């Protein structure tokens, strides 16, 4: 199979080449898809050192965290599709209704064509490559726009992709806001964006100009609710880990805590204990720094010194913010007006579980929500009343690790979902085919009409 090389091409040329290559039908071949998935896997494994070095330069993420929260997700995605691609791509027979007898009905998953994936900086490998892997598995040609905020990982991914893949199949396009704006003016068959709700609206508006469907993986203020019936030690340990993972720069991290009043002080002390035990220092390899100066300053402004229960210290030169607990927080405080996306955890007391659920229901729908309790009625109320993208009961974040669960938002937190088979569907069109026999057809649908024919139609339909 021969792919000519095109160096120094403009992005419109790349897209034109991808559209032309897609029309050759080669990407619909399952062996073709698997060959390039295997190639991507081999490139990632061979260049793990380069990827670790780049992400450490961007915001100090350790090799351990880079593997567990980034590389392992990407490799697991590839292995999932290599194992399940034949079944996912196979046409599915469905029952044919009475009016269409004698006939056979099937659904054919087919690739959309040429897709754009705009990645995020906070998990730059996972949130760029996982959608790309799903898109390639579904048989598409792809343009990846990594986030320029994590500049070193952007350059590492671009280097590995553009040196090893034909640009008319997969191409990484470097750049910032200007380049992203240029991309959004062009015609794609689908756009996949991970980032803030504010930018998501811009992407959605641009996509509408070309009637391009989108998947928007956004964010929001994801609550964690802790009731008196929770295992408090387990809850505190898991919340501290999930909140301060990646220095809180995680879209599904608990954004704020709602803690039942009777256990409020006790639980705050447990949170303090685990923050201290986990040793989140400015030189700790398991605690990343804030991505840049702008985000550092934004987060510092959210820390009300009068409400700091624990932490609050920072080092601007190291872009370090200590894990910070805020107590006696009200819904009107600045920290409750926007997604925090950093190592600041506001804690709010409540006395009535159903009332606090009602309060959360009145807010924008978050990407995630979490409940810690052993009370079955509280579990049911949480699950049935609250609308959110996905979440956990008695844990945080870990629902992302199950590729049988779709990951995505709802309302302001996003549109569409992916992971596993849902990722394949996100980048596929489900084409319906009805094949009819050419014999044995009754004459009732053809003119001239009569009351008798109408009575038969009523029975059939």
Protein backbone atom coordinates (compact mmCIF):
# COMPACT_ATOMS: atom_id res chain seq x y z
CA UNK A 1 0.00 0.00 0.00
CA UNK A 2 1.60 3.28 -1.11
CA UNK A 3 1.11 6.65 0.52
CA UNK A 4 2.90 9.64 -1.02
CA UNK A 5 4.47 12.08 1.43
CA UNK A 6 3.31 15.67 1.53
CA UNK A 7 5.61 17.97 3.45
CA UNK A 8 4.71 21.54 4.29
CA UNK A 9 1.13 21.29 3.11
CA UNK A 10 -1.56 23.66 4.23
CA UNK A 11 -4.31 22.16 6.37
CA UNK A 12 -6.88 22.49 3.58
CA UNK A 13 -4.66 20.32 1.38
CA UNK A 14 -4.45 17.72 4.16
CA UNK A 15 -8.22 17.64 4.50
CA UNK A 16 -8.72 17.39 0.76
CA UNK A 17 -6.28 14.47 0.65
CA UNK A 18 -8.11 12.77 3.53
CA UNK A 19 -11.46 13.15 1.83
CA UNK A 20 -10.04 11.74 -1.39
CA UNK A 21 -8.37 8.86 0.41
CA UNK A 22 -11.55 8.01 2.30
CA UNK A 23 -13.36 7.65 -1.02
CA UNK A 24 -10.95 4.87 -2.00
CA UNK A 25 -12.80 2.69 0.57
CA UNK A 26 -9.53 1.43 2.08
CA UNK A 27 -10.38 2.55 5.62
CA UNK A 28 -13.50 0.38 5.57
CA UNK A 29 -11.29 -2.70 5.51
CA UNK A 30 -11.07 -4.21 9.00
CA UNK A 31 -7.53 -5.49 8.44
CA UNK A 32 -6.47 -1.99 7.41
CA UNK A 33 -7.89 -0.49 10.59
CA UNK A 34 -6.27 -3.11 12.81
CA UNK A 35 -2.92 -2.71 11.06
CA UNK A 36 -2.78 0.99 11.91
CA UNK A 37 -4.12 0.50 15.44
CA UNK A 38 -1.33 -1.99 16.03
CA UNK A 39 1.15 0.45 14.53
CA UNK A 40 -0.01 3.21 16.86
CA UNK A 41 0.27 0.88 19.84
CA UNK A 42 3.81 -0.10 18.86
CA UNK A 43 4.83 3.54 18.41
CA UNK A 44 3.47 4.50 21.84
CA UNK A 45 5.19 1.60 23.58
CA UNK A 46 8.47 2.25 21.77
CA UNK A 47 8.38 5.95 22.63
CA UNK A 48 7.03 5.88 26.18
CA UNK A 49 10.18 7.61 27.40
CA UNK A 50 9.65 10.53 25.03
CA UNK A 51 6.01 10.84 26.12
CA UNK A 52 6.90 10.78 29.82
CA UNK A 53 9.60 13.41 29.33
CA UNK A 54 7.24 15.74 27.45
CA UNK A 55 4.44 15.58 29.98
CA UNK A 56 6.86 16.11 32.86
CA UNK A 57 8.12 19.26 31.16
CA UNK A 58 4.58 20.54 30.75
CA UNK A 59 3.39 20.24 34.35
CA UNK A 60 5.52 17.83 36.31
CA UNK A 61 3.40 14.70 35.92
CA UNK A 62 5.29 11.64 37.18
CA UNK A 63 5.91 8.51 35.16
CA UNK A 64 3.52 6.63 37.48
CA UNK A 65 0.67 9.11 36.97
CA UNK A 66 1.41 9.46 33.27
CA UNK A 67 1.11 5.71 32.81
CA UNK A 68 -1.90 5.07 35.05
CA UNK A 69 -3.99 8.05 33.91
CA UNK A 70 -2.82 8.45 30.32
CA UNK A 71 -0.79 5.75 28.56
CA UNK A 72 -2.62 2.78 30.09
CA UNK A 73 -5.98 4.22 28.98
CA UNK A 74 -4.71 4.67 25.43
CA UNK A 75 -3.20 1.19 25.21
CA UNK A 76 -6.33 -0.38 26.72
CA UNK A 77 -8.46 1.42 24.13
CA UNK A 78 -6.35 0.05 21.30
CA UNK A 79 -6.47 -3.47 22.71
CA UNK A 80 -10.23 -3.21 23.15
CA UNK A 81 -10.79 -2.38 19.49
CA UNK A 82 -8.32 -4.97 18.25
CA UNK A 83 -10.28 -7.57 20.20
CA UNK A 84 -13.81 -6.35 19.45
CA UNK A 85 -13.60 -4.61 16.08
CA UNK A 86 -14.93 -7.51 14.03
CA UNK A 87 -18.06 -7.73 16.17
CA UNK A 88 -18.55 -3.94 16.30
CA UNK A 89 -18.29 -3.54 12.53
CA UNK A 90 -20.49 -6.53 11.69
CA UNK A 91 -23.93 -5.74 10.23
CA UNK A 92 -26.68 -6.41 12.76
CA UNK A 93 -29.92 -8.09 11.78
CA UNK A 94 -33.12 -6.72 13.30
CA UNK A 95 -36.70 -7.95 13.18
CA UNK A 96 -38.75 -6.90 10.15
CA UNK A 97 -42.27 -5.64 10.84
CA UNK A 98 -45.36 -7.17 9.31
CA UNK A 99 -45.86 -4.42 6.71
CA UNK A 100 -42.41 -5.15 5.24
CA UNK A 101 -42.74 -8.88 4.86
CA UNK A 102 -41.23 -10.62 2.96
CA UNK A 103 -38.05 -8.73 3.80
CA UNK A 104 -34.82 -8.70 5.79
CA UNK A 105 -33.65 -5.71 7.85
CA UNK A 106 -30.05 -4.93 8.77
CA UNK A 107 -28.06 -2.09 10.29
CA UNK A 108 -24.65 -1.41 8.77
CA UNK A 109 -22.18 0.64 10.85
CA UNK A 110 -20.24 2.78 8.41
CA UNK A 111 -17.50 5.38 9.01
CA UNK A 112 -18.43 9.03 8.74
CA UNK A 113 -15.42 10.10 6.70
CA UNK A 114 -13.05 12.87 7.74
CA UNK A 115 -13.14 13.85 11.43
CA UNK A 116 -11.50 16.49 13.61
CA UNK A 117 -10.46 15.76 17.19
CA UNK A 118 -9.54 18.75 19.38
CA UNK A 119 -7.72 17.50 22.47
CA UNK A 120 -7.39 18.93 25.98
CA UNK A 121 -4.29 19.89 27.96
CA UNK A 122 -5.04 18.37 31.35
CA UNK A 123 -4.73 14.74 30.19
CA UNK A 124 -3.13 15.48 26.83
CA UNK A 125 -2.44 11.92 25.73
CA UNK A 126 -5.64 10.28 26.93
CA UNK A 127 -7.99 13.06 25.81
CA UNK A 128 -6.36 13.39 22.39
CA UNK A 129 -5.49 9.82 21.47
CA UNK A 130 -8.49 7.95 22.90
CA UNK A 131 -10.97 9.74 20.58
CA UNK A 132 -8.53 9.29 17.68
CA UNK A 133 -8.32 5.56 18.37
CA UNK A 134 -12.12 5.26 18.38
CA UNK A 135 -12.34 7.25 15.14
CA UNK A 136 -9.72 5.10 13.39
CA UNK A 137 -11.37 1.91 14.66
CA UNK A 138 -14.63 3.10 13.13
CA UNK A 139 -12.86 3.57 9.77
CA UNK A 140 -12.40 7.33 9.54
CA UNK A 141 -9.58 9.61 8.42
CA UNK A 142 -8.56 12.02 11.19
CA UNK A 143 -7.03 15.38 11.93
CA UNK A 144 -5.84 15.80 15.52
CA UNK A 145 -5.46 19.26 17.00
CA UNK A 146 -3.66 18.73 20.34
CA UNK A 147 -3.87 21.46 22.95
CA UNK A 148 -1.12 24.04 22.61
CA UNK A 149 -1.32 24.79 26.35
CA UNK A 150 0.60 21.57 27.05
CA UNK A 151 3.15 22.47 24.38
CA UNK A 152 5.65 19.67 24.88
CA UNK A 153 3.05 16.90 24.68
CA UNK A 154 1.59 18.58 21.60
CA UNK A 155 4.99 18.45 19.90
CA UNK A 156 5.63 14.86 21.02
CA UNK A 157 2.31 13.60 19.67
CA UNK A 158 2.68 15.54 16.44
CA UNK A 159 6.16 14.17 15.89
CA UNK A 160 5.13 10.54 16.45
CA UNK A 161 1.99 10.79 14.34
CA UNK A 162 3.33 12.82 11.43
CA UNK A 163 6.54 10.82 11.12
CA UNK A 164 4.76 7.46 11.14
CA UNK A 165 1.35 7.92 9.52
CA UNK A 166 0.34 9.08 6.05
CA UNK A 167 -1.19 12.56 6.33
CA UNK A 168 -4.17 11.63 4.18
CA UNK A 169 -5.11 9.10 6.88
CA UNK A 170 -4.00 10.67 10.18
CA UNK A 171 -2.41 14.05 10.74
CA UNK A 172 -1.57 16.09 13.84
CA UNK A 173 -1.92 19.84 13.36
CA UNK A 174 0.01 22.02 15.79
CA UNK A 175 -0.96 25.52 16.76
CA UNK A 176 -3.00 27.71 19.05
CA UNK A 177 -6.24 29.66 18.91
CA UNK A 178 -5.65 30.96 15.36
CA UNK A 179 -5.02 27.48 14.00
CA UNK A 180 -8.02 26.05 15.85
CA UNK A 181 -10.19 28.85 14.46
CA UNK A 182 -8.93 28.06 10.96
CA UNK A 183 -9.78 24.39 11.41
CA UNK A 184 -13.30 25.13 12.61
CA UNK A 185 -14.07 27.03 9.41
CA UNK A 186 -13.43 23.89 7.36
CA UNK A 187 -15.85 21.11 6.54
CA UNK A 188 -15.52 17.88 8.53
CA UNK A 189 -17.87 14.94 8.89
CA UNK A 190 -17.64 15.11 12.70
CA UNK A 191 -15.91 17.25 15.31
CA UNK A 192 -14.91 15.88 18.70
CA UNK A 193 -13.95 18.49 21.30
CA UNK A 194 -12.79 18.17 24.89
CA UNK A 195 -12.52 21.33 26.96
CA UNK A 196 -14.47 24.05 28.70
CA UNK A 197 -18.16 24.79 28.25
CA UNK A 198 -17.27 28.30 27.08
CA UNK A 199 -15.08 27.06 24.22
CA UNK A 200 -17.49 24.19 23.57
CA UNK A 201 -20.16 26.72 22.63
CA UNK A 202 -17.77 28.31 20.13
CA UNK A 203 -17.02 24.90 18.60
CA UNK A 204 -20.71 24.03 18.43
CA UNK A 205 -21.56 27.33 16.72
CA UNK A 206 -18.78 26.88 14.17
CA UNK A 207 -19.85 23.29 13.47
CA UNK A 208 -23.42 24.43 12.85
CA UNK A 209 -22.26 26.53 9.88
CA UNK A 210 -21.47 23.26 8.05
CA UNK A 211 -24.15 21.14 9.74
CA UNK A 212 -21.30 19.10 11.23
CA UNK A 213 -22.30 16.78 14.09
CA UNK A 214 -20.29 17.13 17.28
CA UNK A 215 -19.28 15.35 20.44
CA UNK A 216 -18.56 17.88 23.17
CA UNK A 217 -16.85 16.60 26.32
CA UNK A 218 -17.09 19.57 28.67
CA UNK A 219 -17.20 19.93 32.44
CA UNK A 220 -19.06 21.69 35.20
CA UNK A 221 -19.24 21.70 38.97
CA UNK A 222 -19.34 18.02 39.89
CA UNK A 223 -20.63 17.46 43.45
CA UNK A 224 -19.67 14.79 45.94
CA UNK A 225 -22.25 14.15 48.65
CA UNK A 226 -21.28 12.49 51.94
CA UNK A 227 -24.01 11.41 54.34
CA UNK A 228 -23.81 10.19 57.92
CA UNK A 229 -24.37 6.63 56.66
CA UNK A 230 -21.14 6.63 54.66
CA UNK A 231 -17.96 4.77 55.53
CA UNK A 232 -16.19 8.01 56.38
CA UNK A 233 -12.63 6.71 56.27
CA UNK A 234 -13.10 5.22 52.81
CA UNK A 235 -14.95 8.33 51.61
CA UNK A 236 -12.24 10.72 52.82
CA UNK A 237 -9.40 8.66 51.36
CA UNK A 238 -11.05 8.28 47.96
CA UNK A 239 -12.18 11.90 47.73
CA UNK A 240 -8.73 13.24 48.61
CA UNK A 241 -7.11 10.98 46.00
CA UNK A 242 -9.63 11.87 43.28
CA UNK A 243 -9.77 15.60 43.99
CA UNK A 244 -6.03 16.21 44.13
CA UNK A 245 -5.05 13.81 41.36
CA UNK A 246 -3.37 15.94 38.68
CA UNK A 247 -3.58 18.84 41.17
CA UNK A 248 -7.34 18.94 40.70
CA UNK A 249 -7.00 19.57 36.96
CA UNK A 250 -9.43 16.77 36.13
CA UNK A 251 -12.81 17.35 34.48
CA UNK A 252 -14.52 14.66 36.59
CA UNK A 253 -12.84 15.54 39.90
CA UNK A 254 -15.19 16.35 42.79
CA UNK A 255 -15.61 20.11 42.46
CA UNK A 256 -17.21 20.65 45.87
CA UNK A 257 -18.38 18.57 48.86
CA UNK A 258 -21.81 18.46 50.43
CA UNK A 259 -21.39 16.91 53.88
CA UNK A 260 -24.16 16.08 56.33
CA UNK A 261 -23.97 18.46 59.27
CA UNK A 262 -23.73 15.80 61.98
CA UNK A 263 -20.44 14.49 60.55
CA UNK A 264 -19.12 17.75 59.11
CA UNK A 265 -16.28 18.48 61.54
CA UNK A 266 -15.29 14.84 61.81
CA UNK A 267 -15.09 14.51 58.05
CA UNK A 268 -13.04 17.67 57.63
CA UNK A 269 -10.45 16.23 59.99
CA UNK A 270 -10.38 13.00 58.01
CA UNK A 271 -9.79 14.95 54.82
CA UNK A 272 -6.97 16.84 56.52
CA UNK A 273 -5.47 13.57 57.72
CA UNK A 274 -5.31 12.03 54.25
CA UNK A 275 -4.01 15.19 52.57
CA UNK A 276 -1.19 15.19 55.12
CA UNK A 277 -0.61 11.45 54.78
CA UNK A 278 -0.39 11.62 50.98
CA UNK A 279 2.34 14.29 51.20
CA UNK A 280 1.32 16.70 48.46
CA UNK A 281 4.40 18.91 48.57
CA UNK A 282 5.89 21.28 45.98
CA UNK A 283 8.56 18.70 45.17
CA UNK A 284 6.39 15.58 45.38
CA UNK A 285 6.58 13.59 42.15
CA UNK A 286 2.97 12.42 42.60
CA UNK A 287 1.61 15.98 42.73
CA UNK A 288 1.63 17.96 39.52
CA UNK A 289 1.99 21.70 39.21
CA UNK A 290 -0.60 24.07 37.79
CA UNK A 291 -0.35 24.13 34.00
CA UNK A 292 0.49 27.84 33.57
CA UNK A 293 0.61 31.28 35.14
CA UNK A 294 -2.87 32.28 33.98
CA UNK A 295 -4.52 29.29 35.62
CA UNK A 296 -2.39 29.73 38.74
CA UNK A 297 -3.60 33.32 39.19
CA UNK A 298 -7.21 32.34 38.50
CA UNK A 299 -7.07 29.68 41.24
CA UNK A 300 -5.36 31.93 43.77
CA UNK A 301 -8.21 34.42 43.38
CA UNK A 302 -10.69 31.68 44.35
CA UNK A 303 -9.03 31.04 47.73
CA UNK A 304 -10.79 33.09 50.40
CA UNK A 305 -8.18 33.19 53.17
CA UNK A 306 -10.87 33.66 55.82
CA UNK A 307 -12.44 30.32 54.86
CA UNK A 308 -9.28 28.19 54.58
CA UNK A 309 -9.61 25.16 56.86
CA UNK A 310 -6.41 23.55 55.66
CA UNK A 311 -3.73 24.43 53.11
CA UNK A 312 -3.86 27.60 51.08
CA UNK A 313 -0.11 27.98 50.62
CA UNK A 314 1.40 28.46 47.18
CA UNK A 315 4.64 29.03 45.29
CA UNK A 316 4.20 31.06 42.13
CA UNK A 317 7.65 30.24 40.76
CA UNK A 318 6.93 26.51 40.99
CA UNK A 319 3.27 26.94 39.97
CA UNK A 320 2.44 25.05 43.16
CA UNK A 321 -0.82 25.38 45.07
CA UNK A 322 -1.19 23.32 48.22
CA UNK A 323 -4.31 21.15 48.49
CA UNK A 324 -6.77 23.51 50.10
CA UNK A 325 -9.96 22.85 52.06
CA UNK A 326 -12.45 25.72 52.34
CA UNK A 327 -14.98 25.58 55.16
CA UNK A 328 -18.16 27.56 55.91
CA UNK A 329 -18.64 28.05 52.18
CA UNK A 330 -21.93 29.42 50.84
CA UNK A 331 -23.48 28.98 47.43
CA UNK A 332 -22.86 32.68 46.76
CA UNK A 333 -19.06 32.52 47.21
CA UNK A 334 -16.84 33.12 44.19
CA UNK A 335 -15.49 29.59 44.37
CA UNK A 336 -19.00 28.25 43.76
CA UNK A 337 -19.65 30.35 40.63
CA UNK A 338 -17.41 28.43 38.20
CA UNK A 339 -15.71 25.09 37.75
CA UNK A 340 -12.62 25.17 39.96
CA UNK A 341 -10.31 22.86 37.97
CA UNK A 342 -7.60 22.99 40.60
CA UNK A 343 -6.64 21.80 44.11
CA UNK A 344 -9.29 23.76 46.01
CA UNK A 345 -12.12 21.87 47.70
CA UNK A 346 -15.07 23.85 49.14
CA UNK A 347 -17.15 22.07 51.80
CA UNK A 348 -20.81 22.91 52.42
CA UNK A 349 -22.98 21.49 55.20
CA UNK A 350 -26.49 20.15 54.76
CA UNK A 351 -29.13 18.80 57.11
CA UNK A 352 -31.69 17.26 54.77
CA UNK A 353 -30.57 14.86 52.05
CA UNK A 354 -33.61 15.31 49.81
CA UNK A 355 -33.41 19.09 50.05
CA UNK A 356 -29.75 19.13 49.06
CA UNK A 357 -30.56 16.92 46.07
CA UNK A 358 -33.20 19.47 45.06
CA UNK A 359 -30.63 22.25 45.33
CA UNK A 360 -28.17 20.38 43.08
CA UNK A 361 -30.98 19.62 40.63
CA UNK A 362 -31.56 23.35 40.14
CA UNK A 363 -27.96 23.87 38.99
CA UNK A 364 -26.49 23.12 35.56
CA UNK A 365 -26.11 19.39 34.94
CA UNK A 366 -22.52 18.38 35.82
CA UNK A 367 -20.21 15.98 34.02
CA UNK A 368 -19.98 13.80 37.13
CA UNK A 369 -21.61 13.34 40.53
CA UNK A 370 -20.65 11.20 43.50
CA UNK A 371 -22.43 9.87 46.58
CA UNK A 372 -20.95 8.24 49.67
CA UNK A 373 -23.49 6.31 51.72
CA UNK A 374 -24.57 2.81 52.72
CA UNK A 375 -28.23 3.84 52.75
CA UNK A 376 -30.11 2.16 49.89
CA UNK A 377 -32.84 4.82 49.80
CA UNK A 378 -30.24 7.57 49.42
CA UNK A 379 -28.54 5.63 46.63
CA UNK A 380 -31.82 5.27 44.76
CA UNK A 381 -32.77 8.94 45.20
CA UNK A 382 -29.33 10.07 44.00
CA UNK A 383 -29.47 7.80 40.95
CA UNK A 384 -33.04 8.57 39.94
CA UNK A 385 -33.33 12.30 40.73
CA UNK A 386 -30.02 13.82 39.67
CA UNK A 387 -29.06 14.25 36.02
CA UNK A 388 -25.31 14.13 35.29
CA UNK A 389 -22.94 12.61 32.79
CA UNK A 390 -21.77 9.70 34.91
CA UNK A 391 -20.48 9.01 38.37
CA UNK A 392 -19.96 6.66 41.27
CA UNK A 393 -21.51 5.59 44.53
CA UNK A 394 -18.81 5.22 47.20
CA UNK A 395 -15.97 6.19 44.88
CA UNK A 396 -14.87 8.97 42.55
CA UNK A 397 -13.52 9.08 38.99
CA UNK A 398 -13.18 5.29 38.66
CA UNK A 399 -16.21 4.92 36.39
CA UNK A 400 -13.91 6.12 33.59
CA UNK A 401 -11.94 2.90 33.90
CA UNK A 402 -14.80 0.67 32.72
CA UNK A 403 -14.90 0.65 28.91
CA UNK A 404 -18.39 -0.84 29.02
CA UNK A 405 -19.71 2.42 30.46
CA UNK A 406 -20.25 5.40 28.14
CA UNK A 407 -18.39 8.56 29.10
CA UNK A 408 -19.94 11.91 28.27
CA UNK A 409 -21.88 14.85 29.60
CA UNK A 410 -25.45 16.10 29.49
CA UNK A 411 -26.78 19.62 29.13
CA UNK A 412 -24.02 22.16 29.79
CA UNK A 413 -21.54 19.38 30.51
CA UNK A 414 -21.56 17.99 27.00
CA UNK A 415 -23.13 16.27 24.03
CA UNK A 416 -22.55 12.65 23.05
CA UNK A 417 -20.29 10.03 24.62
CA UNK A 418 -17.51 7.57 23.91
CA UNK A 419 -15.30 4.79 25.39
CA UNK A 420 -15.41 1.21 24.16
CA UNK A 421 -18.29 0.37 21.87
CA UNK A 422 -19.79 3.82 22.47
CA UNK A 423 -16.67 5.38 20.94
CA UNK A 424 -17.11 3.24 17.84
CA UNK A 425 -20.73 4.37 17.58
CA UNK A 426 -19.76 8.02 18.09
CA UNK A 427 -17.70 7.95 14.89
CA UNK A 428 -20.07 5.74 12.87
CA UNK A 429 -23.31 6.17 11.01
CA UNK A 430 -25.87 3.41 11.54
CA UNK A 431 -27.10 2.79 8.00
CA UNK A 432 -30.47 1.02 7.70
CA UNK A 433 -31.10 -1.43 4.86
CA UNK A 434 -34.36 -3.21 4.10
CA UNK A 435 -34.09 -5.91 1.43
CA UNK A 436 -37.43 -7.03 0.04
CA UNK A 437 -38.34 -10.15 -1.86
CA UNK A 438 -39.72 -9.61 -5.38
CA UNK A 439 -42.57 -12.09 -5.02
CA UNK A 440 -45.61 -12.55 -2.81
CA UNK A 441 -46.46 -8.87 -2.38
CA UNK A 442 -50.14 -7.98 -1.74
CA UNK A 443 -51.67 -5.23 -3.86
CA UNK A 444 -53.15 -3.21 -1.02
CA UNK A 445 -50.70 -0.28 -1.01
CA UNK A 446 -51.15 0.51 -4.70
CA UNK A 447 -53.95 2.61 -6.26
CA UNK A 448 -56.82 2.62 -6.81
CA UNK A 449 -57.66 2.79 -3.09
CA UNK A 450 -60.75 1.46 -1.38
CA UNK A 451 -62.28 1.17 2.05
CA UNK A 452 -61.38 -2.51 2.06
CA UNK A 453 -57.73 -1.73 1.37
CA UNK A 454 -57.77 0.90 4.12
CA UNK A 455 -59.13 -1.61 6.62
CA UNK A 456 -56.26 -3.99 5.79
CA UNK A 457 -53.71 -1.16 6.05
CA UNK A 458 -55.05 -0.32 9.52
CA UNK A 459 -54.46 -3.93 10.59
CA UNK A 460 -50.94 -4.03 9.15
CA UNK A 461 -49.78 -0.68 10.53
